[in-house]
Structure formats: structure tokens, C-alpha cells
Amino acid sequence: MSTLTHPETKSSAMPATENSAEQNALMFEYSSAADPVASGSVPPIPYAEFAADLYATAPSRIIPLDLSQALKSAAPASTPSLAASFLRIEAGDTLETSANSTSELFYVIRGSGVSTVGDREIRWSQGDFFTLPGSTARHRAQETSALYWVNDQPLLDYLGVQQSHPRFAPAHYTHSELAKALERAANDPQAATRSRVSLILGNPGCMQTMTVTHVLWAMYGLIEPNTRQLPHRHQSVAVDLIIDAKPGCYTLVGTELGSDGHIKNPTRVDWKSGAAFVTPPGYWHEHRNESGERAYLTPIQDAGLHTYLRTLDITFYKDDD
């Protein structure tokens, strides 16, 4: 048995050892291990941006948005629980995706095609979302296409488990239906009193958490011209995709909020259509549109899991004026 005064700071993805049970029994003095994030044993989730240029040219391929080195993850990961990737599929090509995951979400950035899972086909086009409960899928592009793919394989890798059975049925959210529903939300007389004009995607199998899968949360939203969405924070981590934005749209992110409702010493992330960025958990963030035109985005989070665990802790700043 070993007694340590400081927590181990190497990779947390250590393989099983052949040591005796006694040799594997470690003890840490409380103050040195009570907060592994502060000590550096568990690294913080970094800010990160991923440009649309990553999938701008051939060939057909999967482009992982990989932060595994910063996260001390043994496998590709964008957050501790999620892996995000861009897919580029040339016209006429077929690209296969496969992950040991329980939740997969795809957004069609551009193009059209069909995805096949077993005997099921989902025909998609630009602006569509679709979800799968962890499977091998073959994606055939009718025209050169780009998709955004998020799954929870890093979570399963950490737990050391395999997906055993579907927790929800696949769902397909077409752009035409999304656009109509979002426009209704924007035209609602109460829209001006709400924190944002957005749709939260759901699934009949996930009614307890009211999320797109039991692990993932996805929003399809717009920000009207000359609008500031007031700051908020939550313990889920987001991998945000900018769908369409003109110069002058951006997000401010920081750890502290002043009494005046402004984030102290914020990091600014300028929006670029087709690009993605990571918003760390627990950080205050606000979105601004100073472009004069509507902007559209889709944040994808592990908030389904946090909601089920009752750890989401979402907080909105309210301007009493």
C-alpha cells in the first residue's frame, strides 16, 4: 500500500496492472487530492476553435476535433465525454462512421445524401439534423457534402463499457420543419421576454430530460440583429457549431461575472460560418450579434446526462432594468 501527498498527474487512462491488490491500494492526504482539477491532475477543458477550412477540400474523410492531449485522454476526444468531428464526403462517395457510443448527432452543413444503418435509410440535405443510438452507418453523398458529427464515445471509453442496446429510436429533423418552428418562436408575442429565440430538439425516448438523446442536448437557435443574449452558465460542456453568421457576431466567455452583468476579462470568439468551438463548463458566456443580419447556431452539450444526474446547475443573469 502506498501513501502519497500529491495526486498522480499522469494520464488518467491507465491500463489495468498486474500488481497485487495491496500494491494497487493508494491513499492521498485529503488536502492534496480533494480538488484534482485545481492541482492539475485533472486538466481543465480548454477553449478551442476549429475552422471550416478543415473540411474545405477533398478527399472524403473524417476530421476529428481532437483535444485528447490537453484532456489527457487516451483516445480522440473534444471534451471529457464527447467527440466531435467534421465529415467531408465527395459526390458519389460513401463514408462509414462507427463509434462505441450510445448517442450520435449529425448536422448537415451542406450537401445532400443518404445514411444507411442496417435496413433503415435517412435521406438528408443541408440544414437537417439526425440522431442515431450508437451504430455503424454508411453515408453516401449525392453532392459533395459536409456534416458535423458528435458522439459520446469518450464517456464510454472512460467508463470501460460497450454499448449494449439502443436507448432511443433514430430521429430526423428536417430543415424545412425546423425553419417553420423557429419562425413561429421568433414571431411569438412573448419572444421579447425570453432569454433567446431557439428550439431544443427532443426525442420520445428521452422525455424525462427533454433532450435530443439521453446524453446529448442540442439547440437550434437564432440571434436577431443588434441583439445581446445575456450571460448564462452551466456545468455541461458545449461543442458549438456556427451555422450562419456575418462579421460582428461573437461569443464572450469568462469565469467571473460583474455586478453590472458583464463578464470580467472575457475571451472573445468571433463567429465564422461552418466553424466550431468549445465552451468549457461553468464559464459565463454571452452571444452578441452586431452584424445587422440574423445569425444561426447549434450548441451541442452533454446536458442530457447532467440533467439526469441533477448536476446541470444552469444559471441566467437577469437584468432587473
C-alpha atoms as a PDB file:
ATOM      1  CA  MET A   1       0.000   0.000   0.000  1.00  0.00           C
ATOM      2  CA  SER A   2       1.312   3.477  -0.923  1.00  0.00           C
ATOM      3  CA  THR A   3       0.597   6.778   0.802  1.00  0.00           C
ATOM      4  CA  LEU A   4       1.010   9.846  -1.431  1.00  0.00           C
ATOM      5  CA  THR A   5       0.923  13.530  -0.570  1.00  0.00           C
ATOM      6  CA  HIS A   6       0.133  14.656  -4.122  1.00  0.00           C
ATOM      7  CA  PRO A   7      -2.229  13.122  -6.652  1.00  0.00           C
ATOM      8  CA  GLU A   8      -0.914  11.351  -9.704  1.00  0.00           C
ATOM      9  CA  THR A   9      -0.662  13.823 -12.596  1.00  0.00           C
ATOM     10  CA  LYS A  10      -0.088  11.389 -15.463  1.00  0.00           C
ATOM     11  CA  SER A  11      -2.798  10.178 -17.821  1.00  0.00           C
ATOM     12  CA  SER A  12      -5.968   9.066 -16.051  1.00  0.00           C
ATOM     13  CA  ALA A  13      -6.437   6.400 -18.737  1.00  0.00           C
ATOM     14  CA  MET A  14      -4.041   3.928 -17.110  1.00  0.00           C
ATOM     15  CA  PRO A  15      -4.231   0.247 -18.093  1.00  0.00           C
ATOM     16  CA  ALA A  16      -5.011  -2.445 -15.565  1.00  0.00           C
ATOM     17  CA  THR A  17      -1.882  -3.562 -13.722  1.00  0.00           C
ATOM     18  CA  GLU A  18      -0.625  -6.970 -12.661  1.00  0.00           C
ATOM     19  CA  ASN A  19       0.247  -5.671  -9.202  1.00  0.00           C
ATOM     20  CA  SER A  20      -1.233  -7.279  -6.133  1.00  0.00           C
ATOM     21  CA  ALA A  21      -4.397  -5.818  -4.665  1.00  0.00           C
ATOM     22  CA  GLU A  22      -2.343  -4.345  -1.830  1.00  0.00           C
ATOM     23  CA  GLN A  23       0.064  -2.648  -4.244  1.00  0.00           C
ATOM     24  CA  ASN A  24      -2.853  -1.082  -6.100  1.00  0.00           C
ATOM     25  CA  ALA A  25      -4.268   0.452  -2.919  1.00  0.00           C
ATOM     26  CA  LEU A  26      -3.251   4.116  -2.824  1.00  0.00           C
ATOM     27  CA  MET A  27      -4.101   6.770  -0.254  1.00  0.00           C
ATOM     28  CA  PHE A  28      -3.897  10.553  -0.656  1.00  0.00           C
ATOM     29  CA  GLU A  29      -3.719  13.142   2.083  1.00  0.00           C
ATOM     30  CA  TYR A  30      -7.090  14.910   1.811  1.00  0.00           C
ATOM     31  CA  SER A  31      -5.983  18.470   1.005  1.00  0.00           C
ATOM     32  CA  SER A  32      -3.710  17.317  -1.814  1.00  0.00           C
ATOM     33  CA  ALA A  33      -6.405  15.332  -3.618  1.00  0.00           C
ATOM     34  CA  ALA A  34      -9.717  16.964  -2.739  1.00  0.00           C
ATOM     35  CA  ASP A  35      -9.641  19.133  -5.888  1.00  0.00           C
ATOM     36  CA  PRO A  36      -7.822  17.278  -8.684  1.00  0.00           C
ATOM     37  CA  VAL A  37      -8.735  19.968 -11.233  1.00  0.00           C
ATOM     38  CA  ALA A  38      -7.046  22.716  -9.218  1.00  0.00           C
ATOM     39  CA  SER A  39      -3.982  20.534  -8.635  1.00  0.00           C
ATOM     40  CA  GLY A  40      -3.638  19.743 -12.339  1.00  0.00           C
ATOM     41  CA  SER A  41      -4.260  16.006 -12.012  1.00  0.00           C
ATOM     42  CA  VAL A  42      -7.472  16.504 -13.987  1.00  0.00           C
ATOM     43  CA  PRO A  43      -6.713  19.173 -16.604  1.00  0.00           C
ATOM     44  CA  PRO A  44      -9.241  21.933 -17.292  1.00  0.00           C
ATOM     45  CA  ILE A  45     -11.212  21.879 -20.520  1.00  0.00           C
ATOM     46  CA  PRO A  46      -9.551  24.383 -22.853  1.00  0.00           C
ATOM     47  CA  TYR A  47     -11.043  26.952 -25.163  1.00  0.00           C
ATOM     48  CA  ALA A  48     -10.716  25.680 -28.706  1.00  0.00           C
ATOM     49  CA  GLU A  49     -11.773  26.767 -32.180  1.00  0.00           C
ATOM     50  CA  PHE A  50     -11.975  24.600 -35.299  1.00  0.00           C
ATOM     51  CA  ALA A  51     -12.150  26.363 -38.663  1.00  0.00           C
ATOM     52  CA  ALA A  52     -14.342  25.447 -41.615  1.00  0.00           C
ATOM     53  CA  ASP A  53     -11.136  25.238 -43.679  1.00  0.00           C
ATOM     54  CA  LEU A  54     -10.539  21.814 -42.106  1.00  0.00           C
ATOM     55  CA  TYR A  55     -13.133  20.251 -44.425  1.00  0.00           C
ATOM     56  CA  ALA A  56     -12.944  22.675 -47.350  1.00  0.00           C
ATOM     57  CA  THR A  57     -11.046  20.367 -49.719  1.00  0.00           C
ATOM     58  CA  ALA A  58     -11.002  16.715 -50.864  1.00  0.00           C
ATOM     59  CA  PRO A  59     -10.739  13.801 -50.197  1.00  0.00           C
ATOM     60  CA  SER A  60     -13.665  12.224 -48.355  1.00  0.00           C
ATOM     61  CA  ARG A  61     -12.652  11.735 -44.745  1.00  0.00           C
ATOM     62  CA  ILE A  62     -13.428  12.146 -41.042  1.00  0.00           C
ATOM     63  CA  ILE A  63     -11.715  15.126 -39.381  1.00  0.00           C
ATOM     64  CA  PRO A  64     -11.683  14.687 -35.574  1.00  0.00           C
ATOM     65  CA  LEU A  65     -11.818  17.865 -33.489  1.00  0.00           C
ATOM     66  CA  ASP A  66      -9.295  16.344 -31.146  1.00  0.00           C
ATOM     67  CA  LEU A  67      -8.253  17.791 -27.782  1.00  0.00           C
ATOM     68  CA  SER A  68      -7.168  14.467 -26.287  1.00  0.00           C
ATOM     69  CA  GLN A  69      -3.642  15.648 -25.480  1.00  0.00           C
ATOM     70  CA  ALA A  70      -4.889  18.634 -23.490  1.00  0.00           C
ATOM     71  CA  LEU A  71      -7.534  16.472 -21.785  1.00  0.00           C
ATOM     72  CA  LYS A  72      -5.118  13.587 -21.033  1.00  0.00           C
ATOM     73  CA  SER A  73      -7.441  11.275 -22.890  1.00  0.00           C
ATOM     74  CA  ALA A  74      -6.108   8.048 -24.370  1.00  0.00           C
ATOM     75  CA  ALA A  75      -8.365   8.323 -27.436  1.00  0.00           C
ATOM     76  CA  PRO A  76      -9.579  11.219 -29.607  1.00  0.00           C
ATOM     77  CA  ALA A  77     -11.936  13.497 -27.668  1.00  0.00           C
ATOM     78  CA  SER A  78     -13.266  17.041 -27.926  1.00  0.00           C
ATOM     79  CA  THR A  79     -14.474  17.121 -24.307  1.00  0.00           C
ATOM     80  CA  PRO A  80     -14.162  14.563 -21.496  1.00  0.00           C
ATOM     81  CA  SER A  81     -17.443  12.959 -22.617  1.00  0.00           C
ATOM     82  CA  LEU A  82     -17.888  13.921 -26.275  1.00  0.00           C
ATOM     83  CA  ALA A  83     -16.088  13.513 -29.592  1.00  0.00           C
ATOM     84  CA  ALA A  84     -16.871  15.948 -32.393  1.00  0.00           C
ATOM     85  CA  SER A  85     -15.759  15.607 -35.999  1.00  0.00           C
ATOM     86  CA  PHE A  86     -16.310  17.162 -39.385  1.00  0.00           C
ATOM     87  CA  LEU A  87     -17.162  14.779 -42.225  1.00  0.00           C
ATOM     88  CA  ARG A  88     -16.353  15.607 -45.838  1.00  0.00           C
ATOM     89  CA  ILE A  89     -17.918  13.327 -48.450  1.00  0.00           C
ATOM     90  CA  GLU A  90     -17.239  13.849 -52.130  1.00  0.00           C
ATOM     91  CA  ALA A  91     -20.151  13.469 -54.539  1.00  0.00           C
ATOM     92  CA  GLY A  92     -20.730   9.777 -55.217  1.00  0.00           C
ATOM     93  CA  ASP A  93     -18.520   8.639 -52.325  1.00  0.00           C
ATOM     94  CA  THR A  94     -19.566   6.615 -49.293  1.00  0.00           C
ATOM     95  CA  LEU A  95     -18.030   7.267 -45.873  1.00  0.00           C
ATOM     96  CA  GLU A  96     -18.532   4.955 -42.906  1.00  0.00           C
ATOM     97  CA  THR A  97     -18.797   6.132 -39.302  1.00  0.00           C
ATOM     98  CA  SER A  98     -18.637   3.793 -36.350  1.00  0.00           C
ATOM     99  CA  ALA A  99     -18.272   4.554 -32.661  1.00  0.00           C
ATOM    100  CA  ASN A 100     -18.718   2.707 -29.405  1.00  0.00           C
ATOM    101  CA  SER A 101     -21.326   5.206 -28.293  1.00  0.00           C
ATOM    102  CA  THR A 102     -24.903   5.462 -27.081  1.00  0.00           C
ATOM    103  CA  SER A 103     -25.662   8.782 -28.772  1.00  0.00           C
ATOM    104  CA  GLU A 104     -24.746  10.239 -32.155  1.00  0.00           C
ATOM    105  CA  LEU A 105     -25.926  13.514 -33.625  1.00  0.00           C
ATOM    106  CA  PHE A 106     -25.284  14.658 -37.198  1.00  0.00           C
ATOM    107  CA  TYR A 107     -25.899  18.116 -38.665  1.00  0.00           C
ATOM    108  CA  VAL A 108     -25.712  18.626 -42.429  1.00  0.00           C
ATOM    109  CA  ILE A 109     -23.601  21.721 -43.023  1.00  0.00           C
ATOM    110  CA  ARG A 110     -24.031  21.444 -46.786  1.00  0.00           C
ATOM    111  CA  GLY A 111     -24.881  18.940 -49.491  1.00  0.00           C
ATOM    112  CA  SER A 112     -27.311  16.035 -49.633  1.00  0.00           C
ATOM    113  CA  GLY A 113     -27.239  12.281 -49.422  1.00  0.00           C
ATOM    114  CA  VAL A 114     -28.459   9.205 -47.607  1.00  0.00           C
ATOM    115  CA  SER A 115     -27.268   7.436 -44.462  1.00  0.00           C
ATOM    116  CA  THR A 116     -27.876   3.715 -44.055  1.00  0.00           C
ATOM    117  CA  VAL A 117     -27.999   1.920 -40.707  1.00  0.00           C
ATOM    118  CA  GLY A 118     -28.973  -1.723 -41.095  1.00  0.00           C
ATOM    119  CA  ASP A 119     -32.132  -1.676 -43.192  1.00  0.00           C
ATOM    120  CA  ARG A 120     -33.004   1.932 -42.291  1.00  0.00           C
ATOM    121  CA  GLU A 121     -32.277   4.883 -44.598  1.00  0.00           C
ATOM    122  CA  ILE A 122     -32.255   8.576 -43.680  1.00  0.00           C
ATOM    123  CA  ARG A 123     -32.251  10.941 -46.667  1.00  0.00           C
ATOM    124  CA  TRP A 124     -30.762  14.262 -45.654  1.00  0.00           C
ATOM    125  CA  SER A 125     -29.991  17.659 -47.105  1.00  0.00           C
ATOM    126  CA  GLN A 126     -28.478  20.944 -45.953  1.00  0.00           C
ATOM    127  CA  GLY A 127     -29.770  22.124 -42.589  1.00  0.00           C
ATOM    128  CA  ASP A 128     -31.053  18.733 -41.396  1.00  0.00           C
ATOM    129  CA  PHE A 129     -30.207  17.056 -38.084  1.00  0.00           C
ATOM    130  CA  PHE A 130     -30.456  13.335 -37.419  1.00  0.00           C
ATOM    131  CA  THR A 131     -29.622  11.167 -34.415  1.00  0.00           C
ATOM    132  CA  LEU A 132     -28.568   7.537 -34.051  1.00  0.00           C
ATOM    133  CA  PRO A 133     -28.301   5.438 -30.871  1.00  0.00           C
ATOM    134  CA  GLY A 134     -24.711   4.338 -31.469  1.00  0.00           C
ATOM    135  CA  SER A 135     -24.202   2.324 -34.642  1.00  0.00           C
ATOM    136  CA  THR A 136     -22.192   1.792 -37.775  1.00  0.00           C
ATOM    137  CA  ALA A 137     -23.584   3.992 -40.528  1.00  0.00           C
ATOM    138  CA  ARG A 138     -22.723   4.371 -44.201  1.00  0.00           C
ATOM    139  CA  HIS A 139     -23.164   7.890 -45.567  1.00  0.00           C
ATOM    140  CA  ARG A 140     -23.442   8.295 -49.359  1.00  0.00           C
ATOM    141  CA  ALA A 141     -23.270  11.804 -50.798  1.00  0.00           C
ATOM    142  CA  GLN A 142     -25.369  12.752 -53.800  1.00  0.00           C
ATOM    143  CA  GLU A 143     -23.406  16.001 -53.992  1.00  0.00           C
ATOM    144  CA  THR A 144     -20.232  16.988 -52.191  1.00  0.00           C
ATOM    145  CA  SER A 145     -21.287  17.280 -48.558  1.00  0.00           C
ATOM    146  CA  ALA A 146     -20.044  18.322 -45.137  1.00  0.00           C
ATOM    147  CA  LEU A 147     -21.533  17.107 -41.857  1.00  0.00           C
ATOM    148  CA  TYR A 148     -20.900  17.767 -38.177  1.00  0.00           C
ATOM    149  CA  TRP A 149     -20.829  14.606 -36.053  1.00  0.00           C
ATOM    150  CA  VAL A 150     -20.915  14.449 -32.245  1.00  0.00           C
ATOM    151  CA  ASN A 151     -20.973  11.242 -30.181  1.00  0.00           C
ATOM    152  CA  ASP A 152     -20.352  10.134 -26.592  1.00  0.00           C
ATOM    153  CA  GLN A 153     -17.631   7.520 -27.174  1.00  0.00           C
ATOM    154  CA  PRO A 154     -15.168   9.284 -24.796  1.00  0.00           C
ATOM    155  CA  LEU A 155     -17.681   8.783 -21.977  1.00  0.00           C
ATOM    156  CA  LEU A 156     -17.986   5.057 -22.687  1.00  0.00           C
ATOM    157  CA  ASP A 157     -14.201   4.753 -23.057  1.00  0.00           C
ATOM    158  CA  TYR A 158     -13.747   6.327 -19.622  1.00  0.00           C
ATOM    159  CA  LEU A 159     -16.320   4.007 -18.050  1.00  0.00           C
ATOM    160  CA  GLY A 160     -14.799   0.980 -19.791  1.00  0.00           C
ATOM    161  CA  VAL A 161     -18.121  -0.176 -21.212  1.00  0.00           C
ATOM    162  CA  GLN A 162     -19.642  -1.174 -24.539  1.00  0.00           C
ATOM    163  CA  GLN A 163     -22.975  -0.016 -25.914  1.00  0.00           C
ATOM    164  CA  SER A 164     -25.426  -2.851 -25.307  1.00  0.00           C
ATOM    165  CA  HIS A 165     -28.845  -1.722 -26.541  1.00  0.00           C
ATOM    166  CA  PRO A 166     -30.456   1.398 -28.043  1.00  0.00           C
ATOM    167  CA  ARG A 167     -31.819   3.921 -25.534  1.00  0.00           C
ATOM    168  CA  PHE A 168     -33.871   5.821 -28.137  1.00  0.00           C
ATOM    169  CA  ALA A 169     -35.039   5.470 -31.730  1.00  0.00           C
ATOM    170  CA  PRO A 170     -33.312   7.380 -34.563  1.00  0.00           C
ATOM    171  CA  ALA A 171     -34.815  10.779 -35.350  1.00  0.00           C
ATOM    172  CA  HIS A 172     -34.612  13.054 -38.407  1.00  0.00           C
ATOM    173  CA  TYR A 173     -35.210  16.798 -38.045  1.00  0.00           C
ATOM    174  CA  THR A 174     -35.655  18.373 -41.481  1.00  0.00           C
ATOM    175  CA  HIS A 175     -34.558  21.921 -42.154  1.00  0.00           C
ATOM    176  CA  SER A 176     -37.965  22.881 -43.514  1.00  0.00           C
ATOM    177  CA  GLU A 177     -39.752  21.867 -40.299  1.00  0.00           C
ATOM    178  CA  LEU A 178     -37.059  23.411 -38.110  1.00  0.00           C
ATOM    179  CA  ALA A 179     -37.272  26.697 -40.012  1.00  0.00           C
ATOM    180  CA  LYS A 180     -41.044  26.888 -39.624  1.00  0.00           C
ATOM    181  CA  ALA A 181     -40.922  26.096 -35.905  1.00  0.00           C
ATOM    182  CA  LEU A 182     -38.130  28.608 -35.293  1.00  0.00           C
ATOM    183  CA  GLU A 183     -40.016  31.320 -37.165  1.00  0.00           C
ATOM    184  CA  ARG A 184     -43.097  30.658 -35.034  1.00  0.00           C
ATOM    185  CA  ALA A 185     -40.950  31.054 -31.929  1.00  0.00           C
ATOM    186  CA  ALA A 186     -39.498  34.309 -33.269  1.00  0.00           C
ATOM    187  CA  ASN A 187     -42.971  35.701 -34.026  1.00  0.00           C
ATOM    188  CA  ASP A 188     -44.477  34.710 -30.685  1.00  0.00           C
ATOM    189  CA  PRO A 189     -45.658  37.830 -28.791  1.00  0.00           C
ATOM    190  CA  GLN A 190     -43.704  36.593 -25.751  1.00  0.00           C
ATOM    191  CA  ALA A 191     -40.433  36.231 -27.682  1.00  0.00           C
ATOM    192  CA  ALA A 192     -39.106  39.583 -26.493  1.00  0.00           C
ATOM    193  CA  THR A 193     -39.424  38.490 -22.855  1.00  0.00           C
ATOM    194  CA  ARG A 194     -37.443  35.261 -23.320  1.00  0.00           C
ATOM    195  CA  SER A 195     -33.700  34.797 -22.987  1.00  0.00           C
ATOM    196  CA  ARG A 196     -33.367  33.538 -26.561  1.00  0.00           C
ATOM    197  CA  VAL A 197     -35.228  32.510 -29.720  1.00  0.00           C
ATOM    198  CA  SER A 198     -34.394  28.833 -30.053  1.00  0.00           C
ATOM    199  CA  LEU A 199     -35.641  25.284 -30.339  1.00  0.00           C
ATOM    200  CA  ILE A 200     -34.451  22.456 -28.089  1.00  0.00           C
ATOM    201  CA  LEU A 201     -34.516  19.194 -30.018  1.00  0.00           C
ATOM    202  CA  GLY A 202     -36.192  16.239 -28.321  1.00  0.00           C
ATOM    203  CA  ASN A 203     -36.942  12.552 -28.719  1.00  0.00           C
ATOM    204  CA  PRO A 204     -39.901  10.462 -27.417  1.00  0.00           C
ATOM    205  CA  GLY A 205     -37.428   8.148 -25.675  1.00  0.00           C
ATOM    206  CA  CYS A 206     -35.896  10.998 -23.671  1.00  0.00           C
ATOM    207  CA  MET A 207     -38.905  12.794 -22.214  1.00  0.00           C
ATOM    208  CA  GLN A 208     -37.559  12.817 -18.656  1.00  0.00           C
ATOM    209  CA  THR A 209     -34.627  15.047 -19.628  1.00  0.00           C
ATOM    210  CA  MET A 210     -36.387  16.668 -22.625  1.00  0.00           C
ATOM    211  CA  THR A 211     -33.207  16.311 -24.665  1.00  0.00           C
ATOM    212  CA  VAL A 212     -32.254  15.076 -28.125  1.00  0.00           C
ATOM    213  CA  THR A 213     -30.738  11.879 -26.644  1.00  0.00           C
ATOM    214  CA  HIS A 214     -30.377  10.683 -23.067  1.00  0.00           C
ATOM    215  CA  VAL A 215     -26.795  12.073 -23.072  1.00  0.00           C
ATOM    216  CA  LEU A 216     -26.800  14.842 -25.685  1.00  0.00           C
ATOM    217  CA  TRP A 217     -28.617  18.185 -25.674  1.00  0.00           C
ATOM    218  CA  ALA A 218     -28.972  20.170 -28.897  1.00  0.00           C
ATOM    219  CA  MET A 219     -30.402  23.595 -29.624  1.00  0.00           C
ATOM    220  CA  TYR A 220     -31.196  25.234 -32.956  1.00  0.00           C
ATOM    221  CA  GLY A 221     -31.305  28.963 -32.453  1.00  0.00           C
ATOM    222  CA  LEU A 222     -31.114  32.381 -33.991  1.00  0.00           C
ATOM    223  CA  ILE A 223     -29.904  35.712 -32.740  1.00  0.00           C
ATOM    224  CA  GLU A 224     -31.670  38.712 -34.165  1.00  0.00           C
ATOM    225  CA  PRO A 225     -29.620  41.661 -35.469  1.00  0.00           C
ATOM    226  CA  ASN A 226     -28.267  44.070 -32.861  1.00  0.00           C
ATOM    227  CA  THR A 227     -29.056  41.663 -30.031  1.00  0.00           C
ATOM    228  CA  ARG A 228     -27.167  40.701 -26.886  1.00  0.00           C
ATOM    229  CA  GLN A 229     -28.104  37.425 -25.208  1.00  0.00           C
ATOM    230  CA  LEU A 230     -27.447  37.970 -21.511  1.00  0.00           C
ATOM    231  CA  PRO A 231     -24.789  35.787 -19.840  1.00  0.00           C
ATOM    232  CA  HIS A 232     -25.500  32.326 -18.501  1.00  0.00           C
ATOM    233  CA  ARG A 233     -23.501  29.309 -17.346  1.00  0.00           C
ATOM    234  CA  HIS A 234     -23.972  25.566 -16.803  1.00  0.00           C
ATOM    235  CA  GLN A 235     -21.928  22.527 -15.849  1.00  0.00           C
ATOM    236  CA  SER A 236     -22.377  20.801 -19.207  1.00  0.00           C
ATOM    237  CA  VAL A 237     -19.686  21.393 -21.808  1.00  0.00           C
ATOM    238  CA  ALA A 238     -20.657  22.632 -25.285  1.00  0.00           C
ATOM    239  CA  VAL A 239     -19.261  21.976 -28.748  1.00  0.00           C
ATOM    240  CA  ASP A 240     -20.920  24.821 -30.644  1.00  0.00           C
ATOM    241  CA  LEU A 241     -21.346  24.911 -34.426  1.00  0.00           C
ATOM    242  CA  ILE A 242     -21.939  28.241 -36.148  1.00  0.00           C
ATOM    243  CA  ILE A 243     -24.435  27.620 -38.914  1.00  0.00           C
ATOM    244  CA  ASP A 244     -24.562  31.074 -40.479  1.00  0.00           C
ATOM    245  CA  ALA A 245     -23.142  34.365 -39.244  1.00  0.00           C
ATOM    246  CA  LYS A 246     -21.790  37.580 -40.661  1.00  0.00           C
ATOM    247  CA  PRO A 247     -18.863  39.561 -39.217  1.00  0.00           C
ATOM    248  CA  GLY A 248     -19.903  41.212 -35.972  1.00  0.00           C
ATOM    249  CA  CYS A 249     -21.265  38.065 -34.316  1.00  0.00           C
ATOM    250  CA  TYR A 250     -19.280  36.686 -31.405  1.00  0.00           C
ATOM    251  CA  THR A 251     -19.308  34.966 -28.010  1.00  0.00           C
ATOM    252  CA  LEU A 252     -17.714  36.297 -24.826  1.00  0.00           C
ATOM    253  CA  VAL A 253     -16.567  33.685 -22.288  1.00  0.00           C
ATOM    254  CA  GLY A 254     -15.095  34.094 -18.809  1.00  0.00           C
ATOM    255  CA  THR A 255     -15.011  32.739 -15.289  1.00  0.00           C
ATOM    256  CA  GLU A 256     -16.414  35.758 -13.447  1.00  0.00           C
ATOM    257  CA  LEU A 257     -19.469  37.976 -13.854  1.00  0.00           C
ATOM    258  CA  GLY A 258     -19.524  41.554 -12.612  1.00  0.00           C
ATOM    259  CA  SER A 259     -22.423  43.067 -10.705  1.00  0.00           C
ATOM    260  CA  ASP A 260     -23.225  45.051 -13.847  1.00  0.00           C
ATOM    261  CA  GLY A 261     -23.938  41.825 -15.774  1.00  0.00           C
ATOM    262  CA  HIS A 262     -20.781  41.939 -17.867  1.00  0.00           C
ATOM    263  CA  ILE A 263     -18.207  39.147 -17.965  1.00  0.00           C
ATOM    264  CA  LYS A 264     -14.862  40.127 -16.440  1.00  0.00           C
ATOM    265  CA  ASN A 265     -11.801  39.814 -18.701  1.00  0.00           C
ATOM    266  CA  PRO A 266     -13.655  37.738 -21.300  1.00  0.00           C
ATOM    267  CA  THR A 267     -12.226  35.697 -24.127  1.00  0.00           C
ATOM    268  CA  ARG A 268     -13.850  36.679 -27.415  1.00  0.00           C
ATOM    269  CA  VAL A 269     -14.710  34.024 -30.013  1.00  0.00           C
ATOM    270  CA  ASP A 270     -15.671  35.545 -33.357  1.00  0.00           C
ATOM    271  CA  TRP A 271     -18.232  33.517 -35.254  1.00  0.00           C
ATOM    272  CA  LYS A 272     -17.435  32.116 -38.682  1.00  0.00           C
ATOM    273  CA  SER A 273     -19.982  30.139 -40.666  1.00  0.00           C
ATOM    274  CA  GLY A 274     -19.246  26.418 -40.561  1.00  0.00           C
ATOM    275  CA  ALA A 275     -16.720  26.667 -37.717  1.00  0.00           C
ATOM    276  CA  ALA A 276     -16.966  25.055 -34.277  1.00  0.00           C
ATOM    277  CA  PHE A 277     -15.696  25.951 -30.820  1.00  0.00           C
ATOM    278  CA  VAL A 278     -15.660  24.509 -27.309  1.00  0.00           C
ATOM    279  CA  THR A 279     -17.265  26.364 -24.381  1.00  0.00           C
ATOM    280  CA  PRO A 280     -15.874  24.989 -21.076  1.00  0.00           C
ATOM    281  CA  PRO A 281     -18.318  24.059 -18.296  1.00  0.00           C
ATOM    282  CA  GLY A 282     -19.043  26.515 -15.501  1.00  0.00           C
ATOM    283  CA  TYR A 283     -17.923  29.544 -17.531  1.00  0.00           C
ATOM    284  CA  TRP A 284     -20.151  32.540 -18.049  1.00  0.00           C
ATOM    285  CA  HIS A 285     -20.841  33.173 -21.726  1.00  0.00           C
ATOM    286  CA  GLU A 286     -22.987  35.502 -23.790  1.00  0.00           C
ATOM    287  CA  HIS A 287     -23.687  35.806 -27.509  1.00  0.00           C
ATOM    288  CA  ARG A 288     -23.819  39.076 -29.414  1.00  0.00           C
ATOM    289  CA  ASN A 289     -24.956  39.909 -32.929  1.00  0.00           C
ATOM    290  CA  GLU A 290     -23.769  43.299 -34.145  1.00  0.00           C
ATOM    291  CA  SER A 291     -23.867  42.350 -37.824  1.00  0.00           C
ATOM    292  CA  GLY A 292     -27.286  43.712 -38.800  1.00  0.00           C
ATOM    293  CA  GLU A 293     -28.420  40.271 -40.048  1.00  0.00           C
ATOM    294  CA  ARG A 294     -29.796  37.183 -38.345  1.00  0.00           C
ATOM    295  CA  ALA A 295     -27.256  34.622 -37.125  1.00  0.00           C
ATOM    296  CA  TYR A 296     -27.841  30.906 -36.554  1.00  0.00           C
ATOM    297  CA  LEU A 297     -26.029  28.437 -34.312  1.00  0.00           C
ATOM    298  CA  THR A 298     -26.386  24.990 -32.752  1.00  0.00           C
ATOM    299  CA  PRO A 299     -24.744  24.262 -29.396  1.00  0.00           C
ATOM    300  CA  ILE A 300     -24.436  20.556 -28.602  1.00  0.00           C
ATOM    301  CA  GLN A 301     -23.765  19.571 -24.992  1.00  0.00           C
ATOM    302  CA  ASP A 302     -23.638  16.587 -22.650  1.00  0.00           C
ATOM    303  CA  ALA A 303     -26.543  18.251 -20.799  1.00  0.00           C
ATOM    304  CA  GLY A 304     -28.831  15.241 -21.169  1.00  0.00           C
ATOM    305  CA  LEU A 305     -26.519  13.347 -18.828  1.00  0.00           C
ATOM    306  CA  HIS A 306     -26.137  16.317 -16.453  1.00  0.00           C
ATOM    307  CA  THR A 307     -29.890  16.839 -16.346  1.00  0.00           C
ATOM    308  CA  TYR A 308     -30.419  13.191 -15.396  1.00  0.00           C
ATOM    309  CA  LEU A 309     -27.708  13.458 -12.702  1.00  0.00           C
ATOM    310  CA  ARG A 310     -29.251  16.755 -11.446  1.00  0.00           C
ATOM    311  CA  THR A 311     -25.897  18.480 -11.872  1.00  0.00           C
ATOM    312  CA  LEU A 312     -26.650  20.852 -14.779  1.00  0.00           C
ATOM    313  CA  ASP A 313     -26.864  23.904 -12.486  1.00  0.00           C
ATOM    314  CA  ILE A 314     -27.852  26.308 -15.269  1.00  0.00           C
ATOM    315  CA  THR A 315     -27.901  29.969 -14.199  1.00  0.00           C
ATOM    316  CA  PHE A 316     -29.014  33.034 -16.175  1.00  0.00           C
ATOM    317  CA  TYR A 317     -28.065  36.614 -15.415  1.00  0.00           C
ATOM    318  CA  LYS A 318     -31.225  38.692 -15.202  1.00  0.00           C
ATOM    319  CA  ASP A 319     -31.189  42.380 -15.994  1.00  0.00           C
ATOM    320  CA  ASP A 320     -33.608  43.880 -13.484  1.00  0.00           C
ATOM    321  CA  ASP A 321     -33.766  47.046 -15.543  1.00  0.00           C
END
